[in-house]
Amino acid sequence: MSKLNSPSYVMRLMQERGFAAKKRWGQNFLVDKNILGKIVEAAAIGSNDWVLEIGPGLGVLTKSLAVQAQKVISLEIDSDLVQILQDVVTEPNVEIIEADALHVNWKELFTSLGWGGEPVRLAANLPYYITTPLIMKALEGDMDFSTIVVMVQREVADRMAASPGSKDYGVLSLAVQYYTNAAIVANVPRTVFVPSPAVDSAIVKLEPQPPSVAAPRDELFQVIRASFQQRRKTIRNALKPLAKNWGITLEQLDMALERAGIEQNIRGERLSLEEFSELTVNLMIGV
């Protein structure tokens, strides 16, 4: 077992290096070998795989990933942590890169480090403050991931796996459904981190798949986002501004809803991805 699984060792290491976790970057370091094992197992990394890790912290997950993978690319924004990581993570197949994961081009970075098209997996304990943008970048970017396994705030995990009609269901739920099969692997208590965050977490596994609906992606998500802009509005009222932008009359909007078999007074939170797709296709008839 890595010493990084020991809370006392982690606290001593931070003290010796004069390092204090920074709240603005959501720095909470995992110190539980069982949770670590669940992340690695869910990622199902092969010896030919490259792995992208975001926010490696003190390197406990990094070192475990390196045992399985051909190459691990770990992106860390904090220069103080990078200095510690360079001393702690000595595995030859790991590259510690000081970078903002949200703004670096992942594919260009991998290519510059010798990537030749091998399977790529994303495995990370994502920083809470930019979890959703990072997930959307992983889903919508040009890097094709074989598997995405992330530890996120429990609230975000619930939104990712939510079904129509639930309070957690929204744009993120639909985006995850559009691009992947999603499953919550395990719930993670706040007590397995140093320092402990104010919320519990969950491990989520996303398996990318081709879209299963017919509507064009850009138009589909314009309709989805408009439908959730004000959750309490009916679908008809929520879509009025978008219809105007698309040059669609209210009569055409009503006809599109009717053709799609959707009641005018239903709220967007009750519609499935397939229903949003059907509605989008019918709205585009009037464009």
C-alpha atoms as a PDB file:
ATOM      1  CA  MET A   1       0.000   0.000   0.000  1.00  0.00           C
ATOM      2  CA  SER A   2       1.250   3.476  -0.897  1.00  0.00           C
ATOM      3  CA  LYS A   3       2.090   5.690   2.056  1.00  0.00           C
ATOM      4  CA  LEU A   4      -0.165   8.254   0.372  1.00  0.00           C
ATOM      5  CA  ASN A   5      -3.137   6.181   1.592  1.00  0.00           C
ATOM      6  CA  SER A   6      -2.238   7.110   5.169  1.00  0.00           C
ATOM      7  CA  PRO A   7      -3.890  10.305   6.493  1.00  0.00           C
ATOM      8  CA  SER A   8      -1.042  10.814   8.992  1.00  0.00           C
ATOM      9  CA  TYR A   9       1.582  10.502   6.235  1.00  0.00           C
ATOM     10  CA  VAL A  10      -0.291  12.910   3.950  1.00  0.00           C
ATOM     11  CA  MET A  11      -0.605  15.490   6.720  1.00  0.00           C
ATOM     12  CA  ARG A  12       3.067  15.085   7.593  1.00  0.00           C
ATOM     13  CA  LEU A  13       4.096  15.411   3.942  1.00  0.00           C
ATOM     14  CA  MET A  14       2.077  18.605   3.571  1.00  0.00           C
ATOM     15  CA  GLN A  15       3.587  19.983   6.776  1.00  0.00           C
ATOM     16  CA  GLU A  16       7.146  19.121   5.752  1.00  0.00           C
ATOM     17  CA  ARG A  17       6.673  20.770   2.369  1.00  0.00           C
ATOM     18  CA  GLY A  18       4.945  23.827   3.847  1.00  0.00           C
ATOM     19  CA  PHE A  19       1.897  23.104   1.730  1.00  0.00           C
ATOM     20  CA  ALA A  20      -1.686  23.977   2.654  1.00  0.00           C
ATOM     21  CA  ALA A  21      -4.660  22.789   0.589  1.00  0.00           C
ATOM     22  CA  LYS A  22      -6.150  25.630  -1.421  1.00  0.00           C
ATOM     23  CA  LYS A  23      -9.931  25.963  -1.221  1.00  0.00           C
ATOM     24  CA  ARG A  24     -10.146  27.921  -4.467  1.00  0.00           C
ATOM     25  CA  TRP A  25      -8.914  24.852  -6.345  1.00  0.00           C
ATOM     26  CA  GLY A  26     -10.945  22.360  -4.353  1.00  0.00           C
ATOM     27  CA  GLN A  27      -7.911  20.489  -3.028  1.00  0.00           C
ATOM     28  CA  ASN A  28      -9.036  17.470  -0.993  1.00  0.00           C
ATOM     29  CA  PHE A  29      -6.711  14.462  -1.133  1.00  0.00           C
ATOM     30  CA  LEU A  30      -8.060  10.902  -1.216  1.00  0.00           C
ATOM     31  CA  VAL A  31      -6.560   8.645   1.482  1.00  0.00           C
ATOM     32  CA  ASP A  32      -8.644   5.471   1.209  1.00  0.00           C
ATOM     33  CA  LYS A  33      -7.220   2.445  -0.603  1.00  0.00           C
ATOM     34  CA  ASN A  34     -10.646   0.817  -1.102  1.00  0.00           C
ATOM     35  CA  ILE A  35     -12.079   3.848  -2.907  1.00  0.00           C
ATOM     36  CA  LEU A  36      -8.869   4.132  -4.892  1.00  0.00           C
ATOM     37  CA  GLY A  37      -9.223   0.507  -5.929  1.00  0.00           C
ATOM     38  CA  LYS A  38     -12.790   1.087  -7.113  1.00  0.00           C
ATOM     39  CA  ILE A  39     -11.685   3.949  -9.382  1.00  0.00           C
ATOM     40  CA  VAL A  40      -8.876   1.896 -10.911  1.00  0.00           C
ATOM     41  CA  GLU A  41     -11.072  -1.185 -11.328  1.00  0.00           C
ATOM     42  CA  ALA A  42     -13.862   0.810 -13.003  1.00  0.00           C
ATOM     43  CA  ALA A  43     -11.387   2.394 -15.436  1.00  0.00           C
ATOM     44  CA  ALA A  44     -10.397  -1.114 -16.655  1.00  0.00           C
ATOM     45  CA  ILE A  45      -7.037   0.111 -17.941  1.00  0.00           C
ATOM     46  CA  GLY A  46      -5.084  -2.081 -20.330  1.00  0.00           C
ATOM     47  CA  SER A  47      -1.315  -2.205 -20.781  1.00  0.00           C
ATOM     48  CA  ASN A  48      -1.621  -0.427 -24.146  1.00  0.00           C
ATOM     49  CA  ASP A  49      -3.818   2.396 -22.815  1.00  0.00           C
ATOM     50  CA  TRP A  50      -2.931   6.016 -22.236  1.00  0.00           C
ATOM     51  CA  VAL A  51      -4.657   7.723 -19.320  1.00  0.00           C
ATOM     52  CA  LEU A  52      -5.561  11.358 -18.762  1.00  0.00           C
ATOM     53  CA  GLU A  53      -5.724  12.338 -15.097  1.00  0.00           C
ATOM     54  CA  ILE A  54      -6.958  15.764 -14.037  1.00  0.00           C
ATOM     55  CA  GLY A  55      -6.043  17.162 -10.631  1.00  0.00           C
ATOM     56  CA  PRO A  56      -3.642  14.452  -9.404  1.00  0.00           C
ATOM     57  CA  GLY A  57      -3.322  16.042  -5.979  1.00  0.00           C
ATOM     58  CA  LEU A  58      -0.478  14.307  -4.148  1.00  0.00           C
ATOM     59  CA  GLY A  59      -0.302  11.457  -6.652  1.00  0.00           C
ATOM     60  CA  VAL A  60      -2.024   8.544  -4.938  1.00  0.00           C
ATOM     61  CA  LEU A  61      -4.282   7.782  -7.927  1.00  0.00           C
ATOM     62  CA  THR A  62      -1.509   8.654 -10.369  1.00  0.00           C
ATOM     63  CA  LYS A  63       0.760   5.942  -9.012  1.00  0.00           C
ATOM     64  CA  SER A  64      -2.010   3.334  -9.159  1.00  0.00           C
ATOM     65  CA  LEU A  65      -2.885   4.253 -12.742  1.00  0.00           C
ATOM     66  CA  ALA A  66       0.778   3.979 -13.729  1.00  0.00           C
ATOM     67  CA  VAL A  67       0.829   0.319 -12.674  1.00  0.00           C
ATOM     68  CA  GLN A  68      -1.828  -0.507 -15.281  1.00  0.00           C
ATOM     69  CA  ALA A  69      -1.269   1.943 -18.138  1.00  0.00           C
ATOM     70  CA  GLN A  70       1.283   2.411 -20.871  1.00  0.00           C
ATOM     71  CA  LYS A  71       1.338   6.155 -20.159  1.00  0.00           C
ATOM     72  CA  VAL A  72      -0.311   8.508 -17.665  1.00  0.00           C
ATOM     73  CA  ILE A  73      -0.642  12.229 -18.382  1.00  0.00           C
ATOM     74  CA  SER A  74      -1.527  14.143 -15.209  1.00  0.00           C
ATOM     75  CA  LEU A  75      -2.605  17.775 -15.459  1.00  0.00           C
ATOM     76  CA  GLU A  76      -2.147  19.911 -12.341  1.00  0.00           C
ATOM     77  CA  ILE A  77      -2.801  23.655 -12.218  1.00  0.00           C
ATOM     78  CA  ASP A  78      -1.048  24.309  -8.878  1.00  0.00           C
ATOM     79  CA  SER A  79       2.705  24.863  -9.299  1.00  0.00           C
ATOM     80  CA  ASP A  80       3.272  24.105  -5.597  1.00  0.00           C
ATOM     81  CA  LEU A  81       1.678  20.682  -6.020  1.00  0.00           C
ATOM     82  CA  VAL A  82       3.616  20.049  -9.229  1.00  0.00           C
ATOM     83  CA  GLN A  83       6.872  20.398  -7.290  1.00  0.00           C
ATOM     84  CA  ILE A  84       5.699  17.838  -4.725  1.00  0.00           C
ATOM     85  CA  LEU A  85       4.407  15.484  -7.428  1.00  0.00           C
ATOM     86  CA  GLN A  86       7.732  15.517  -9.237  1.00  0.00           C
ATOM     87  CA  ASP A  87       9.364  14.183  -6.072  1.00  0.00           C
ATOM     88  CA  VAL A  88       6.606  11.741  -5.035  1.00  0.00           C
ATOM     89  CA  VAL A  89       5.626  10.270  -8.415  1.00  0.00           C
ATOM     90  CA  THR A  90       8.776   8.714  -9.846  1.00  0.00           C
ATOM     91  CA  GLU A  91       7.180   6.174 -12.187  1.00  0.00           C
ATOM     92  CA  PRO A  92       8.833   6.496 -15.627  1.00  0.00           C
ATOM     93  CA  ASN A  93       5.551   6.230 -17.544  1.00  0.00           C
ATOM     94  CA  VAL A  94       4.012   9.312 -15.870  1.00  0.00           C
ATOM     95  CA  GLU A  95       4.144  12.866 -17.199  1.00  0.00           C
ATOM     96  CA  ILE A  96       3.228  15.597 -14.708  1.00  0.00           C
ATOM     97  CA  ILE A  97       2.137  18.658 -16.662  1.00  0.00           C
ATOM     98  CA  GLU A  98       1.484  22.037 -15.064  1.00  0.00           C
ATOM     99  CA  ALA A  99      -1.600  23.198 -16.961  1.00  0.00           C
ATOM    100  CA  ASP A 100      -5.208  24.292 -16.661  1.00  0.00           C
ATOM    101  CA  ALA A 101      -7.075  21.203 -17.864  1.00  0.00           C
ATOM    102  CA  LEU A 102     -10.024  23.281 -18.948  1.00  0.00           C
ATOM    103  CA  HIS A 103      -8.006  25.372 -21.399  1.00  0.00           C
ATOM    104  CA  VAL A 104      -5.311  23.046 -22.738  1.00  0.00           C
ATOM    105  CA  ASN A 105      -5.948  21.079 -25.945  1.00  0.00           C
ATOM    106  CA  TRP A 106      -5.799  17.495 -24.713  1.00  0.00           C
ATOM    107  CA  LYS A 107      -5.332  15.882 -28.098  1.00  0.00           C
ATOM    108  CA  GLU A 108      -2.508  18.221 -29.095  1.00  0.00           C
ATOM    109  CA  LEU A 109      -0.825  17.645 -25.727  1.00  0.00           C
ATOM    110  CA  PHE A 110      -1.031  13.860 -26.040  1.00  0.00           C
ATOM    111  CA  THR A 111       0.314  13.970 -29.583  1.00  0.00           C
ATOM    112  CA  SER A 112       3.248  16.142 -28.500  1.00  0.00           C
ATOM    113  CA  LEU A 113       4.127  13.522 -25.879  1.00  0.00           C
ATOM    114  CA  GLY A 114       4.265  10.669 -28.388  1.00  0.00           C
ATOM    115  CA  TRP A 115       0.691   9.417 -28.437  1.00  0.00           C
ATOM    116  CA  GLY A 116       0.037   7.442 -31.590  1.00  0.00           C
ATOM    117  CA  GLY A 117      -3.670   6.767 -31.425  1.00  0.00           C
ATOM    118  CA  GLU A 118      -3.656   4.212 -28.589  1.00  0.00           C
ATOM    119  CA  PRO A 119      -6.886   3.911 -26.523  1.00  0.00           C
ATOM    120  CA  VAL A 120      -7.258   6.772 -24.036  1.00  0.00           C
ATOM    121  CA  ARG A 121      -9.111   6.646 -20.738  1.00  0.00           C
ATOM    122  CA  LEU A 122      -9.963   9.495 -18.391  1.00  0.00           C
ATOM    123  CA  ALA A 123      -9.627   8.713 -14.688  1.00  0.00           C
ATOM    124  CA  ALA A 124      -9.717  11.536 -12.178  1.00  0.00           C
ATOM    125  CA  ASN A 125     -10.819  12.909  -8.858  1.00  0.00           C
ATOM    126  CA  LEU A 126     -12.198  16.052 -10.469  1.00  0.00           C
ATOM    127  CA  PRO A 127     -11.876  19.433  -8.756  1.00  0.00           C
ATOM    128  CA  TYR A 128     -15.405  20.334  -7.632  1.00  0.00           C
ATOM    129  CA  TYR A 129     -15.236  23.948  -8.759  1.00  0.00           C
ATOM    130  CA  ILE A 130     -14.968  23.057 -12.460  1.00  0.00           C
ATOM    131  CA  THR A 131     -16.489  19.570 -12.545  1.00  0.00           C
ATOM    132  CA  THR A 132     -19.303  20.219 -15.023  1.00  0.00           C
ATOM    133  CA  PRO A 133     -17.196  22.176 -17.572  1.00  0.00           C
ATOM    134  CA  LEU A 134     -14.557  19.428 -17.488  1.00  0.00           C
ATOM    135  CA  ILE A 135     -17.155  16.703 -18.013  1.00  0.00           C
ATOM    136  CA  MET A 136     -18.651  18.614 -20.942  1.00  0.00           C
ATOM    137  CA  LYS A 137     -15.188  19.090 -22.443  1.00  0.00           C
ATOM    138  CA  ALA A 138     -14.580  15.355 -22.147  1.00  0.00           C
ATOM    139  CA  LEU A 139     -17.918  14.604 -23.809  1.00  0.00           C
ATOM    140  CA  GLU A 140     -17.839  17.212 -26.567  1.00  0.00           C
ATOM    141  CA  GLY A 141     -14.109  17.532 -27.305  1.00  0.00           C
ATOM    142  CA  ASP A 142     -12.076  15.824 -30.036  1.00  0.00           C
ATOM    143  CA  MET A 143     -10.425  13.291 -27.718  1.00  0.00           C
ATOM    144  CA  ASP A 144     -12.185   9.937 -28.049  1.00  0.00           C
ATOM    145  CA  PHE A 145     -12.148   8.277 -24.638  1.00  0.00           C
ATOM    146  CA  SER A 146     -12.657   4.534 -24.251  1.00  0.00           C
ATOM    147  CA  THR A 147     -13.932   5.059 -20.714  1.00  0.00           C
ATOM    148  CA  ILE A 148     -14.405   8.017 -18.374  1.00  0.00           C
ATOM    149  CA  VAL A 149     -14.273   7.346 -14.625  1.00  0.00           C
ATOM    150  CA  VAL A 150     -14.497  10.383 -12.392  1.00  0.00           C
ATOM    151  CA  MET A 151     -15.059  11.098  -8.743  1.00  0.00           C
ATOM    152  CA  VAL A 152     -17.383  14.063  -8.394  1.00  0.00           C
ATOM    153  CA  GLN A 153     -19.569  15.766  -5.822  1.00  0.00           C
ATOM    154  CA  ARG A 154     -22.519  13.487  -5.015  1.00  0.00           C
ATOM    155  CA  GLU A 155     -24.971  16.148  -6.166  1.00  0.00           C
ATOM    156  CA  VAL A 156     -23.310  16.247  -9.590  1.00  0.00           C
ATOM    157  CA  ALA A 157     -23.294  12.443  -9.810  1.00  0.00           C
ATOM    158  CA  ASP A 158     -27.049  12.438  -9.119  1.00  0.00           C
ATOM    159  CA  ARG A 159     -27.575  14.983 -11.898  1.00  0.00           C
ATOM    160  CA  MET A 160     -25.485  12.944 -14.325  1.00  0.00           C
ATOM    161  CA  ALA A 161     -27.518   9.783 -13.698  1.00  0.00           C
ATOM    162  CA  ALA A 162     -30.948  11.411 -13.267  1.00  0.00           C
ATOM    163  CA  SER A 163     -34.095  10.289 -15.094  1.00  0.00           C
ATOM    164  CA  PRO A 164     -36.919  12.463 -16.508  1.00  0.00           C
ATOM    165  CA  GLY A 165     -39.207  13.870 -13.848  1.00  0.00           C
ATOM    166  CA  SER A 166     -36.671  13.905 -11.016  1.00  0.00           C
ATOM    167  CA  LYS A 167     -35.456  17.096  -9.354  1.00  0.00           C
ATOM    168  CA  ASP A 168     -31.876  16.400 -10.474  1.00  0.00           C
ATOM    169  CA  TYR A 169     -32.758  15.965 -14.155  1.00  0.00           C
ATOM    170  CA  GLY A 170     -31.451  18.678 -16.458  1.00  0.00           C
ATOM    171  CA  VAL A 171     -29.077  19.646 -19.252  1.00  0.00           C
ATOM    172  CA  LEU A 172     -26.150  17.705 -17.757  1.00  0.00           C
ATOM    173  CA  SER A 173     -28.286  14.558 -17.426  1.00  0.00           C
ATOM    174  CA  LEU A 174     -29.277  14.771 -21.087  1.00  0.00           C
ATOM    175  CA  ALA A 175     -25.743  15.499 -22.276  1.00  0.00           C
ATOM    176  CA  VAL A 176     -24.434  12.454 -20.406  1.00  0.00           C
ATOM    177  CA  GLN A 177     -27.250  10.315 -21.889  1.00  0.00           C
ATOM    178  CA  TYR A 178     -26.566  11.645 -25.386  1.00  0.00           C
ATOM    179  CA  TYR A 179     -22.878  10.735 -25.347  1.00  0.00           C
ATOM    180  CA  THR A 180     -22.583   7.807 -22.918  1.00  0.00           C
ATOM    181  CA  ASN A 181     -23.978   5.016 -20.807  1.00  0.00           C
ATOM    182  CA  ALA A 182     -23.639   6.256 -17.227  1.00  0.00           C
ATOM    183  CA  ALA A 183     -23.549   4.456 -13.900  1.00  0.00           C
ATOM    184  CA  ILE A 184     -22.738   5.438 -10.325  1.00  0.00           C
ATOM    185  CA  VAL A 185     -20.059   2.974  -9.222  1.00  0.00           C
ATOM    186  CA  ALA A 186     -19.896   3.898  -5.542  1.00  0.00           C
ATOM    187  CA  ASN A 187     -20.774   6.589  -3.048  1.00  0.00           C
ATOM    188  CA  VAL A 188     -17.805   8.150  -1.277  1.00  0.00           C
ATOM    189  CA  PRO A 189     -18.033   9.711   2.212  1.00  0.00           C
ATOM    190  CA  ARG A 190     -16.296  13.007   2.887  1.00  0.00           C
ATOM    191  CA  THR A 191     -14.256  11.351   5.647  1.00  0.00           C
ATOM    192  CA  VAL A 192     -11.863   9.647   3.186  1.00  0.00           C
ATOM    193  CA  PHE A 193     -10.228  12.939   2.204  1.00  0.00           C
ATOM    194  CA  VAL A 194      -7.591  15.173   3.782  1.00  0.00           C
ATOM    195  CA  PRO A 195      -8.794  17.783   4.421  1.00  0.00           C
ATOM    196  CA  SER A 196     -12.438  16.638   4.473  1.00  0.00           C
ATOM    197  CA  PRO A 197     -14.699  18.527   2.038  1.00  0.00           C
ATOM    198  CA  ALA A 198     -18.112  19.839   3.077  1.00  0.00           C
ATOM    199  CA  VAL A 199     -19.942  17.350   0.823  1.00  0.00           C
ATOM    200  CA  ASP A 200     -19.932  13.656  -0.028  1.00  0.00           C
ATOM    201  CA  SER A 201     -18.770  12.345  -3.399  1.00  0.00           C
ATOM    202  CA  ALA A 202     -19.477   9.527  -5.843  1.00  0.00           C
ATOM    203  CA  ILE A 203     -17.559   7.615  -8.500  1.00  0.00           C
ATOM    204  CA  VAL A 204     -19.245   7.759 -11.899  1.00  0.00           C
ATOM    205  CA  LYS A 205     -18.388   5.608 -14.912  1.00  0.00           C
ATOM    206  CA  LEU A 206     -19.241   6.871 -18.395  1.00  0.00           C
ATOM    207  CA  GLU A 207     -18.931   4.574 -21.389  1.00  0.00           C
ATOM    208  CA  PRO A 208     -19.020   6.611 -24.618  1.00  0.00           C
ATOM    209  CA  GLN A 209     -21.455   5.508 -27.308  1.00  0.00           C
ATOM    210  CA  PRO A 210     -22.698   6.907 -30.639  1.00  0.00           C
ATOM    211  CA  PRO A 211     -25.785   9.155 -30.283  1.00  0.00           C
ATOM    212  CA  SER A 212     -29.002   7.147 -30.441  1.00  0.00           C
ATOM    213  CA  VAL A 213     -31.280   9.983 -31.558  1.00  0.00           C
ATOM    214  CA  ALA A 214     -31.836  11.568 -34.961  1.00  0.00           C
ATOM    215  CA  ALA A 215     -31.816  15.305 -34.213  1.00  0.00           C
ATOM    216  CA  PRO A 216     -28.659  17.290 -35.083  1.00  0.00           C
ATOM    217  CA  ARG A 217     -26.601  17.825 -31.934  1.00  0.00           C
ATOM    218  CA  ASP A 218     -26.321  21.619 -32.002  1.00  0.00           C
ATOM    219  CA  GLU A 219     -30.021  22.232 -32.595  1.00  0.00           C
ATOM    220  CA  LEU A 220     -30.991  19.515 -30.113  1.00  0.00           C
ATOM    221  CA  PHE A 221     -29.043  21.129 -27.282  1.00  0.00           C
ATOM    222  CA  GLN A 222     -30.349  24.575 -28.160  1.00  0.00           C
ATOM    223  CA  VAL A 223     -33.831  23.172 -27.574  1.00  0.00           C
ATOM    224  CA  ILE A 224     -32.755  21.360 -24.395  1.00  0.00           C
ATOM    225  CA  ARG A 225     -31.045  24.411 -22.893  1.00  0.00           C
ATOM    226  CA  ALA A 226     -33.985  26.662 -23.738  1.00  0.00           C
ATOM    227  CA  SER A 227     -36.360  24.184 -22.098  1.00  0.00           C
ATOM    228  CA  PHE A 228     -34.441  24.305 -18.816  1.00  0.00           C
ATOM    229  CA  GLN A 229     -33.682  28.040 -18.830  1.00  0.00           C
ATOM    230  CA  GLN A 230     -36.586  28.557 -16.442  1.00  0.00           C
ATOM    231  CA  ARG A 231     -37.575  25.154 -15.078  1.00  0.00           C
ATOM    232  CA  ARG A 232     -41.043  26.193 -13.895  1.00  0.00           C
ATOM    233  CA  LYS A 233     -42.185  27.294 -17.339  1.00  0.00           C
ATOM    234  CA  THR A 234     -44.193  25.025 -19.591  1.00  0.00           C
ATOM    235  CA  ILE A 235     -42.370  23.694 -22.628  1.00  0.00           C
ATOM    236  CA  ARG A 236     -44.359  26.002 -24.921  1.00  0.00           C
ATOM    237  CA  ASN A 237     -43.514  29.137 -22.959  1.00  0.00           C
ATOM    238  CA  ALA A 238     -39.907  28.108 -22.461  1.00  0.00           C
ATOM    239  CA  LEU A 239     -39.399  27.630 -26.191  1.00  0.00           C
ATOM    240  CA  LYS A 240     -40.999  30.907 -27.307  1.00  0.00           C
ATOM    241  CA  PRO A 241     -37.700  32.896 -27.320  1.00  0.00           C
ATOM    242  CA  LEU A 242     -35.897  30.126 -29.234  1.00  0.00           C
ATOM    243  CA  ALA A 243     -38.757  29.888 -31.728  1.00  0.00           C
ATOM    244  CA  LYS A 244     -38.458  33.624 -32.324  1.00  0.00           C
ATOM    245  CA  ASN A 245     -34.690  33.323 -32.861  1.00  0.00           C
ATOM    246  CA  TRP A 246     -35.241  30.488 -35.327  1.00  0.00           C
ATOM    247  CA  GLY A 247     -37.928  32.472 -37.192  1.00  0.00           C
ATOM    248  CA  ILE A 248     -40.680  30.076 -36.098  1.00  0.00           C
ATOM    249  CA  THR A 249     -44.184  31.385 -35.422  1.00  0.00           C
ATOM    250  CA  LEU A 250     -46.170  30.378 -32.347  1.00  0.00           C
ATOM    251  CA  GLU A 251     -48.498  28.459 -34.632  1.00  0.00           C
ATOM    252  CA  GLN A 252     -45.536  26.509 -36.016  1.00  0.00           C
ATOM    253  CA  LEU A 253     -44.292  25.888 -32.470  1.00  0.00           C
ATOM    254  CA  ASP A 254     -47.689  24.484 -31.510  1.00  0.00           C
ATOM    255  CA  MET A 255     -47.726  22.285 -34.607  1.00  0.00           C
ATOM    256  CA  ALA A 256     -44.240  20.965 -33.821  1.00  0.00           C
ATOM    257  CA  LEU A 257     -45.316  20.071 -30.286  1.00  0.00           C
ATOM    258  CA  GLU A 258     -48.417  18.327 -31.620  1.00  0.00           C
ATOM    259  CA  ARG A 259     -46.485  16.343 -34.242  1.00  0.00           C
ATOM    260  CA  ALA A 260     -43.994  15.283 -31.578  1.00  0.00           C
ATOM    261  CA  GLY A 261     -46.845  14.130 -29.326  1.00  0.00           C
ATOM    262  CA  ILE A 262     -45.879  16.555 -26.540  1.00  0.00           C
ATOM    263  CA  GLU A 263     -48.468  18.470 -24.505  1.00  0.00           C
ATOM    264  CA  GLN A 264     -48.019  22.235 -24.473  1.00  0.00           C
ATOM    265  CA  ASN A 265     -48.306  22.540 -20.698  1.00  0.00           C
ATOM    266  CA  ILE A 266     -45.716  19.890 -19.811  1.00  0.00           C
ATOM    267  CA  ARG A 267     -42.380  21.031 -18.377  1.00  0.00           C
ATOM    268  CA  GLY A 268     -39.049  20.216 -19.989  1.00  0.00           C
ATOM    269  CA  GLU A 269     -37.906  18.254 -16.956  1.00  0.00           C
ATOM    270  CA  ARG A 270     -40.406  15.519 -17.855  1.00  0.00           C
ATOM    271  CA  LEU A 271     -39.180  14.937 -21.413  1.00  0.00           C
ATOM    272  CA  SER A 272     -36.768  12.157 -22.356  1.00  0.00           C
ATOM    273  CA  LEU A 273     -33.836  12.561 -24.716  1.00  0.00           C
ATOM    274  CA  GLU A 274     -35.858  10.812 -27.430  1.00  0.00           C
ATOM    275  CA  GLU A 275     -38.766  13.238 -26.962  1.00  0.00           C
ATOM    276  CA  PHE A 276     -36.436  16.229 -27.136  1.00  0.00           C
ATOM    277  CA  SER A 277     -35.004  14.798 -30.342  1.00  0.00           C
ATOM    278  CA  GLU A 278     -38.459  14.314 -31.876  1.00  0.00           C
ATOM    279  CA  LEU A 279     -39.430  17.850 -30.895  1.00  0.00           C
ATOM    280  CA  THR A 280     -36.223  19.296 -32.369  1.00  0.00           C
ATOM    281  CA  VAL A 281     -36.745  17.495 -35.692  1.00  0.00           C
ATOM    282  CA  ASN A 282     -40.304  18.846 -35.902  1.00  0.00           C
ATOM    283  CA  LEU A 283     -39.235  22.375 -34.953  1.00  0.00           C
ATOM    284  CA  MET A 284     -36.658  22.337 -37.727  1.00  0.00           C
ATOM    285  CA  ILE A 285     -39.388  21.687 -40.275  1.00  0.00           C
ATOM    286  CA  GLY A 286     -40.542  25.237 -39.651  1.00  0.00           C
ATOM    287  CA  VAL A 287     -37.095  26.817 -39.969  1.00  0.00           C
END
